[in-house]
């Protein structure tokens, strides 16, 4: 497959210096930028999928009337948190 380039980006010299100080052993600035772009793309894809799942769930809830009250969700989460804290406390005893 033929490769393509990403447009160069102008940054303040201080930012470039910060990035260069963070490069791993043998890592080039280009490799760092590519990894950052890949990470941002992955994050945006995950965000879009999350929103799409939420919208589908909302539509199902509207169609079925299958809503769960926020107070009920918070009570269940609080119960899980208390149980996890109890397990952690018991493990440290």
C-alpha atoms as a PDB file:
ATOM      1  CA  UNK A   1       0.000   0.000   0.000  1.00  0.00           C
ATOM      2  CA  UNK A   2       1.229   3.460  -0.850  1.00  0.00           C
ATOM      3  CA  UNK A   3       1.742   5.792   2.104  1.00  0.00           C
ATOM      4  CA  UNK A   4       0.523   9.350   2.433  1.00  0.00           C
ATOM      5  CA  UNK A   5       1.703  12.316   4.451  1.00  0.00           C
ATOM      6  CA  UNK A   6      -0.024  14.354   7.109  1.00  0.00           C
ATOM      7  CA  UNK A   7       0.405  18.111   6.753  1.00  0.00           C
ATOM      8  CA  UNK A   8       3.191  19.594   8.819  1.00  0.00           C
ATOM      9  CA  UNK A   9       2.039  21.557  11.834  1.00  0.00           C
ATOM     10  CA  UNK A  10       3.611  24.740  13.108  1.00  0.00           C
ATOM     11  CA  UNK A  11       4.064  24.796  16.867  1.00  0.00           C
ATOM     12  CA  UNK A  12       5.811  26.988  19.375  1.00  0.00           C
ATOM     13  CA  UNK A  13       9.477  26.044  19.834  1.00  0.00           C
ATOM     14  CA  UNK A  14       8.762  25.280  23.504  1.00  0.00           C
ATOM     15  CA  UNK A  15       6.217  22.607  22.572  1.00  0.00           C
ATOM     16  CA  UNK A  16       8.632  20.984  20.139  1.00  0.00           C
ATOM     17  CA  UNK A  17      11.300  20.924  22.860  1.00  0.00           C
ATOM     18  CA  UNK A  18       8.847  19.322  25.301  1.00  0.00           C
ATOM     19  CA  UNK A  19       7.980  16.639  22.764  1.00  0.00           C
ATOM     20  CA  UNK A  20      11.610  15.968  21.954  1.00  0.00           C
ATOM     21  CA  UNK A  21      12.364  15.518  25.657  1.00  0.00           C
ATOM     22  CA  UNK A  22       9.599  12.901  25.892  1.00  0.00           C
ATOM     23  CA  UNK A  23      10.712  10.790  22.956  1.00  0.00           C
ATOM     24  CA  UNK A  24      11.512   7.205  23.789  1.00  0.00           C
ATOM     25  CA  UNK A  25      14.829   5.537  23.111  1.00  0.00           C
ATOM     26  CA  UNK A  26      15.338   5.560  19.338  1.00  0.00           C
ATOM     27  CA  UNK A  27      11.932   7.170  18.729  1.00  0.00           C
ATOM     28  CA  UNK A  28      11.754   9.870  16.089  1.00  0.00           C
ATOM     29  CA  UNK A  29       9.587  12.956  16.186  1.00  0.00           C
ATOM     30  CA  UNK A  30       7.706  11.575  13.168  1.00  0.00           C
ATOM     31  CA  UNK A  31       6.976   8.315  14.993  1.00  0.00           C
ATOM     32  CA  UNK A  32       5.719  10.269  17.999  1.00  0.00           C
ATOM     33  CA  UNK A  33       3.420  12.390  15.834  1.00  0.00           C
ATOM     34  CA  UNK A  34       2.095   9.307  14.023  1.00  0.00           C
ATOM     35  CA  UNK A  35       1.365   7.585  17.342  1.00  0.00           C
ATOM     36  CA  UNK A  36      -0.390  10.710  18.630  1.00  0.00           C
ATOM     37  CA  UNK A  37      -2.534  10.948  15.502  1.00  0.00           C
ATOM     38  CA  UNK A  38      -3.429   7.240  15.699  1.00  0.00           C
ATOM     39  CA  UNK A  39      -4.351   7.650  19.359  1.00  0.00           C
ATOM     40  CA  UNK A  40      -6.544  10.678  18.612  1.00  0.00           C
ATOM     41  CA  UNK A  41      -8.279   8.822  15.766  1.00  0.00           C
ATOM     42  CA  UNK A  42      -8.931   5.828  18.042  1.00  0.00           C
ATOM     43  CA  UNK A  43     -10.298   8.098  20.765  1.00  0.00           C
ATOM     44  CA  UNK A  44     -12.624   9.883  18.337  1.00  0.00           C
ATOM     45  CA  UNK A  45     -13.865   6.553  16.948  1.00  0.00           C
ATOM     46  CA  UNK A  46     -14.575   5.291  20.468  1.00  0.00           C
ATOM     47  CA  UNK A  47     -16.376   8.530  21.296  1.00  0.00           C
ATOM     48  CA  UNK A  48     -18.522   8.311  18.159  1.00  0.00           C
ATOM     49  CA  UNK A  49     -19.395   4.659  18.915  1.00  0.00           C
ATOM     50  CA  UNK A  50     -20.261   5.562  22.517  1.00  0.00           C
ATOM     51  CA  UNK A  51     -22.608   8.327  21.374  1.00  0.00           C
ATOM     52  CA  UNK A  52     -24.201   6.048  18.772  1.00  0.00           C
ATOM     53  CA  UNK A  53     -24.822   3.343  21.425  1.00  0.00           C
ATOM     54  CA  UNK A  54     -26.347   5.947  23.730  1.00  0.00           C
ATOM     55  CA  UNK A  55     -28.660   7.234  21.013  1.00  0.00           C
ATOM     56  CA  UNK A  56     -29.756   3.678  20.141  1.00  0.00           C
ATOM     57  CA  UNK A  57     -30.409   2.985  23.814  1.00  0.00           C
ATOM     58  CA  UNK A  58     -32.427   6.178  24.139  1.00  0.00           C
ATOM     59  CA  UNK A  59     -34.506   5.246  21.116  1.00  0.00           C
ATOM     60  CA  UNK A  60     -35.155   1.722  22.525  1.00  0.00           C
ATOM     61  CA  UNK A  61     -36.182   3.241  25.846  1.00  0.00           C
ATOM     62  CA  UNK A  62     -38.585   5.598  24.087  1.00  0.00           C
ATOM     63  CA  UNK A  63     -40.103   2.757  22.081  1.00  0.00           C
ATOM     64  CA  UNK A  64     -40.463   0.371  25.015  1.00  0.00           C
ATOM     65  CA  UNK A  65     -40.904   2.810  27.866  1.00  0.00           C
ATOM     66  CA  UNK A  66     -38.074   0.933  29.574  1.00  0.00           C
ATOM     67  CA  UNK A  67     -36.554   3.811  31.497  1.00  0.00           C
ATOM     68  CA  UNK A  68     -34.685   3.458  34.777  1.00  0.00           C
ATOM     69  CA  UNK A  69     -34.960   6.365  37.185  1.00  0.00           C
ATOM     70  CA  UNK A  70     -31.684   8.141  37.944  1.00  0.00           C
ATOM     71  CA  UNK A  71     -32.210   7.718  41.695  1.00  0.00           C
ATOM     72  CA  UNK A  72     -32.464   3.951  41.236  1.00  0.00           C
ATOM     73  CA  UNK A  73     -29.271   3.847  39.184  1.00  0.00           C
ATOM     74  CA  UNK A  74     -27.457   5.927  41.798  1.00  0.00           C
ATOM     75  CA  UNK A  75     -28.693   3.646  44.612  1.00  0.00           C
ATOM     76  CA  UNK A  76     -27.410   0.580  42.762  1.00  0.00           C
ATOM     77  CA  UNK A  77     -24.053   2.230  42.080  1.00  0.00           C
ATOM     78  CA  UNK A  78     -23.762   3.301  45.712  1.00  0.00           C
ATOM     79  CA  UNK A  79     -24.467  -0.289  46.763  1.00  0.00           C
ATOM     80  CA  UNK A  80     -21.751  -1.580  44.458  1.00  0.00           C
ATOM     81  CA  UNK A  81     -19.312   1.003  45.784  1.00  0.00           C
ATOM     82  CA  UNK A  82     -20.073   0.086  49.400  1.00  0.00           C
ATOM     83  CA  UNK A  83     -19.668  -3.626  48.602  1.00  0.00           C
ATOM     84  CA  UNK A  84     -16.326  -2.995  46.862  1.00  0.00           C
ATOM     85  CA  UNK A  85     -15.102  -0.941  49.815  1.00  0.00           C
ATOM     86  CA  UNK A  86     -16.160  -3.695  52.210  1.00  0.00           C
ATOM     87  CA  UNK A  87     -14.292  -6.316  50.143  1.00  0.00           C
ATOM     88  CA  UNK A  88     -11.196  -4.118  50.051  1.00  0.00           C
ATOM     89  CA  UNK A  89     -11.393  -3.504  53.802  1.00  0.00           C
ATOM     90  CA  UNK A  90     -11.814  -7.225  54.476  1.00  0.00           C
ATOM     91  CA  UNK A  91      -8.845  -8.068  52.245  1.00  0.00           C
ATOM     92  CA  UNK A  92      -6.625  -5.654  54.146  1.00  0.00           C
ATOM     93  CA  UNK A  93      -7.689  -6.990  57.556  1.00  0.00           C
END
